[in-house]
Amino acid sequence: MYCSECGQALAPSQAFCPNCKRTAAPMFPVVPPLFPGFQLDRYAGRVKALGILWFVYAGLSLLAGVAGLVFMKTVFFGGFGPWMHSPWMHPLTHGVMPSSWFFPSVLPFIWAFILIRASLAVAAGWGLLVHAGWGRPVAILAALFSLIKFPLGTALGIFTLIGLLGYRNTQLYEQL
């Protein structure tokens, strides 16, 4: 420690400079930012919560997709019973019903979309829970795709992007 006025070397216990009689500035201990282990544990908890949320979101997406397809089959294919007919079941001018050719051809694509979306969410959740190197990019990709699914997908996508993007978060994820 040195005097701020004259530069004289001071002992840590001296309150005044012996040369110029100026009061020595008190020594403050250097406080480290955050204990690195604590910061890493906290981040690991956040990543675990994200992984669990992605599993829940995958289940909800799959459940909503199956419910939507059952509803679509019921409405468009006249599944309510013989007493109720869907407006889509009436013949067109040439006698061809749209449900006889259009909807059956679209259903496999809808099923594939639902299964791919749920599989991506499961992969993101699994990758985050096991701290795999591929888990972070898959979760970011799933977050970008889920941003348009308001409100749950948007909230989960934003939470994932905030938790996984950025230099500090990248470094912490790599340490996991």
Protein backbone atom coordinates (compact mmCIF):
# COMPACT_ATOMS: atom_id res chain seq x y z
CA MET A 1 0.00 0.00 0.00
CA TYR A 2 1.26 3.47 -0.92
CA CYS A 3 0.32 7.00 0.05
CA SER A 4 -1.90 8.68 -2.54
CA GLU A 5 -0.23 12.06 -1.94
CA CYS A 6 3.53 11.45 -1.86
CA GLY A 7 3.87 7.79 -2.88
CA GLN A 8 5.56 6.71 0.37
CA ALA A 9 5.27 2.96 1.09
CA LEU A 10 2.88 2.34 3.98
CA ALA A 11 2.41 -0.65 6.21
CA PRO A 12 -1.12 -2.10 6.20
CA SER A 13 -1.64 -1.01 9.84
CA GLN A 14 -0.60 2.65 9.35
CA ALA A 15 -3.45 5.16 9.47
CA PHE A 16 -1.33 8.19 8.46
CA CYS A 17 1.57 8.70 6.07
CA PRO A 18 4.78 9.37 8.12
CA ASN A 19 6.10 11.67 5.36
CA CYS A 20 3.15 13.99 4.54
CA LYS A 21 0.73 13.14 7.39
CA ARG A 22 -2.12 12.40 4.98
CA THR A 23 -4.78 9.91 6.09
CA ALA A 24 -4.29 6.55 4.42
CA ALA A 25 -7.23 5.23 2.43
CA PRO A 26 -8.82 2.25 4.12
CA MET A 27 -8.20 -1.11 2.49
CA PHE A 28 -11.29 -2.90 1.25
CA PRO A 29 -11.15 -6.60 0.58
CA VAL A 30 -11.57 -7.61 -3.03
CA VAL A 31 -14.91 -9.34 -3.45
CA PRO A 32 -15.02 -11.91 -6.24
CA PRO A 33 -18.02 -11.58 -8.59
CA LEU A 34 -20.00 -14.74 -8.03
CA PHE A 35 -18.60 -17.97 -6.83
CA PRO A 36 -18.16 -19.94 -10.09
CA GLY A 37 -19.52 -23.16 -8.60
CA PHE A 38 -22.67 -21.38 -7.43
CA GLN A 39 -23.17 -19.78 -10.83
CA LEU A 40 -22.71 -23.12 -12.60
CA ASP A 41 -25.12 -24.89 -10.22
CA ARG A 42 -27.70 -22.17 -10.76
CA TYR A 43 -27.35 -22.45 -14.53
CA ALA A 44 -27.58 -26.25 -14.36
CA GLY A 45 -30.89 -25.89 -12.52
CA ARG A 46 -32.19 -23.55 -15.20
CA VAL A 47 -31.17 -25.97 -17.96
CA LYS A 48 -32.83 -28.85 -16.11
CA ALA A 49 -36.04 -26.83 -15.82
CA LEU A 50 -35.88 -26.07 -19.55
CA GLY A 51 -35.46 -29.76 -20.34
CA ILE A 52 -38.49 -30.69 -18.25
CA LEU A 53 -40.55 -27.91 -19.83
CA TRP A 54 -39.67 -29.19 -23.30
CA PHE A 55 -40.92 -32.67 -22.35
CA VAL A 56 -44.18 -31.17 -21.06
CA TYR A 57 -44.53 -29.07 -24.21
CA ALA A 58 -43.97 -32.16 -26.39
CA GLY A 59 -46.73 -34.01 -24.56
CA LEU A 60 -49.13 -31.09 -24.82
CA SER A 61 -48.35 -30.62 -28.52
CA LEU A 62 -48.95 -34.28 -29.22
CA LEU A 63 -52.17 -34.29 -27.22
CA ALA A 64 -53.48 -31.13 -28.93
CA GLY A 65 -52.53 -32.48 -32.36
CA VAL A 66 -54.32 -35.78 -31.81
CA ALA A 67 -57.37 -33.97 -30.45
CA GLY A 68 -57.37 -31.68 -33.49
CA LEU A 69 -57.14 -34.59 -35.88
CA VAL A 70 -59.97 -36.44 -34.14
CA PHE A 71 -62.07 -33.29 -34.34
CA MET A 72 -61.17 -32.87 -38.00
CA LYS A 73 -62.09 -36.46 -38.76
CA THR A 74 -65.36 -36.05 -36.91
CA VAL A 75 -66.35 -32.81 -38.66
CA PHE A 76 -65.04 -33.47 -42.16
CA PHE A 77 -65.81 -37.16 -42.44
CA GLY A 78 -69.24 -37.09 -40.81
CA GLY A 79 -68.25 -38.96 -37.65
CA PHE A 80 -71.07 -37.45 -35.58
CA GLY A 81 -73.41 -40.21 -36.63
CA PRO A 82 -76.13 -40.78 -39.25
CA TRP A 83 -78.39 -38.08 -37.78
CA MET A 84 -75.88 -35.29 -38.36
CA HIS A 85 -74.06 -34.50 -41.57
CA SER A 86 -71.06 -32.27 -42.08
CA PRO A 87 -71.39 -29.39 -44.55
CA TRP A 88 -68.23 -30.73 -46.18
CA MET A 89 -69.96 -33.96 -47.08
CA HIS A 90 -72.38 -32.48 -49.62
CA PRO A 91 -71.51 -33.35 -53.21
CA LEU A 92 -70.07 -30.72 -55.52
CA THR A 93 -71.48 -30.02 -58.94
CA HIS A 94 -69.77 -33.06 -60.47
CA GLY A 95 -70.77 -35.42 -57.69
CA VAL A 96 -67.30 -35.56 -56.07
CA MET A 97 -67.13 -34.92 -52.35
CA PRO A 98 -64.07 -32.98 -51.17
CA SER A 99 -63.70 -35.30 -48.21
CA SER A 100 -63.30 -38.28 -50.52
CA TRP A 101 -60.03 -37.11 -52.05
CA PHE A 102 -58.61 -33.99 -50.36
CA PHE A 103 -58.68 -34.62 -46.63
CA PRO A 104 -57.42 -38.21 -46.72
CA SER A 105 -54.43 -37.05 -48.77
CA VAL A 106 -53.62 -34.23 -46.33
CA LEU A 107 -53.91 -36.27 -43.13
CA PRO A 108 -50.53 -38.06 -43.44
CA PHE A 109 -48.78 -34.71 -43.79
CA ILE A 110 -50.56 -33.34 -40.75
CA TRP A 111 -49.64 -36.46 -38.75
CA ALA A 112 -46.02 -36.13 -39.87
CA PHE A 113 -45.92 -32.46 -38.87
CA ILE A 114 -47.35 -33.23 -35.42
CA LEU A 115 -44.93 -36.10 -34.84
CA ILE A 116 -41.89 -34.13 -36.06
CA ARG A 117 -42.78 -31.17 -33.83
CA ALA A 118 -43.25 -33.41 -30.79
CA SER A 119 -40.06 -35.35 -31.59
CA LEU A 120 -38.06 -32.13 -31.85
CA ALA A 121 -39.38 -31.00 -28.47
CA VAL A 122 -38.52 -34.39 -26.90
CA ALA A 123 -35.02 -34.26 -28.43
CA ALA A 124 -34.53 -30.74 -27.07
CA GLY A 125 -35.67 -31.79 -23.61
CA TRP A 126 -33.50 -34.90 -23.57
CA GLY A 127 -30.43 -33.06 -24.86
CA LEU A 128 -30.79 -30.39 -22.20
CA LEU A 129 -31.35 -32.88 -19.38
CA VAL A 130 -28.25 -34.92 -20.20
CA HIS A 131 -26.21 -31.77 -21.06
CA ALA A 132 -25.33 -33.15 -24.48
CA GLY A 133 -23.36 -30.96 -26.85
CA TRP A 134 -26.08 -31.28 -29.48
CA GLY A 135 -28.83 -30.42 -26.95
CA ARG A 136 -28.25 -26.68 -27.00
CA PRO A 137 -28.54 -26.21 -30.81
CA VAL A 138 -31.55 -28.53 -30.99
CA ALA A 139 -33.26 -26.60 -28.18
CA ILE A 140 -32.54 -23.29 -29.92
CA LEU A 141 -33.99 -24.68 -33.17
CA ALA A 142 -37.06 -25.98 -31.34
CA ALA A 143 -37.44 -22.60 -29.63
CA LEU A 144 -37.39 -20.79 -32.96
CA PHE A 145 -40.06 -23.11 -34.38
CA SER A 146 -42.24 -22.82 -31.29
CA LEU A 147 -42.27 -19.01 -31.20
CA ILE A 148 -45.35 -18.95 -33.46
CA LYS A 149 -47.35 -21.26 -31.15
CA PHE A 150 -48.92 -18.60 -28.93
CA PRO A 151 -49.00 -18.55 -25.86
CA LEU A 152 -47.16 -21.61 -24.47
CA GLY A 153 -44.79 -22.10 -27.38
CA THR A 154 -43.95 -18.42 -27.49
CA ALA A 155 -43.22 -18.28 -23.76
CA LEU A 156 -41.11 -21.44 -23.84
CA GLY A 157 -39.27 -20.28 -26.96
CA ILE A 158 -38.38 -16.93 -25.41
CA PHE A 159 -37.35 -18.57 -22.12
CA THR A 160 -35.15 -21.01 -24.02
CA LEU A 161 -33.53 -18.37 -26.19
CA ILE A 162 -32.78 -16.15 -23.19
CA GLY A 163 -31.38 -19.09 -21.24
CA LEU A 164 -29.19 -20.56 -23.99
CA LEU A 165 -28.01 -17.68 -26.17
CA GLY A 166 -25.19 -15.31 -25.33
CA TYR A 167 -21.51 -15.72 -24.60
CA ARG A 168 -21.84 -16.30 -20.86
CA ASN A 169 -24.60 -18.89 -21.28
CA THR A 170 -22.60 -20.65 -23.99
CA GLN A 171 -19.59 -20.88 -21.70
CA LEU A 172 -21.68 -22.13 -18.79
CA TYR A 173 -23.38 -24.77 -20.96
CA GLU A 174 -20.01 -26.01 -22.18
CA GLN A 175 -18.84 -26.36 -18.56
CA LEU A 176 -21.83 -28.59 -17.79
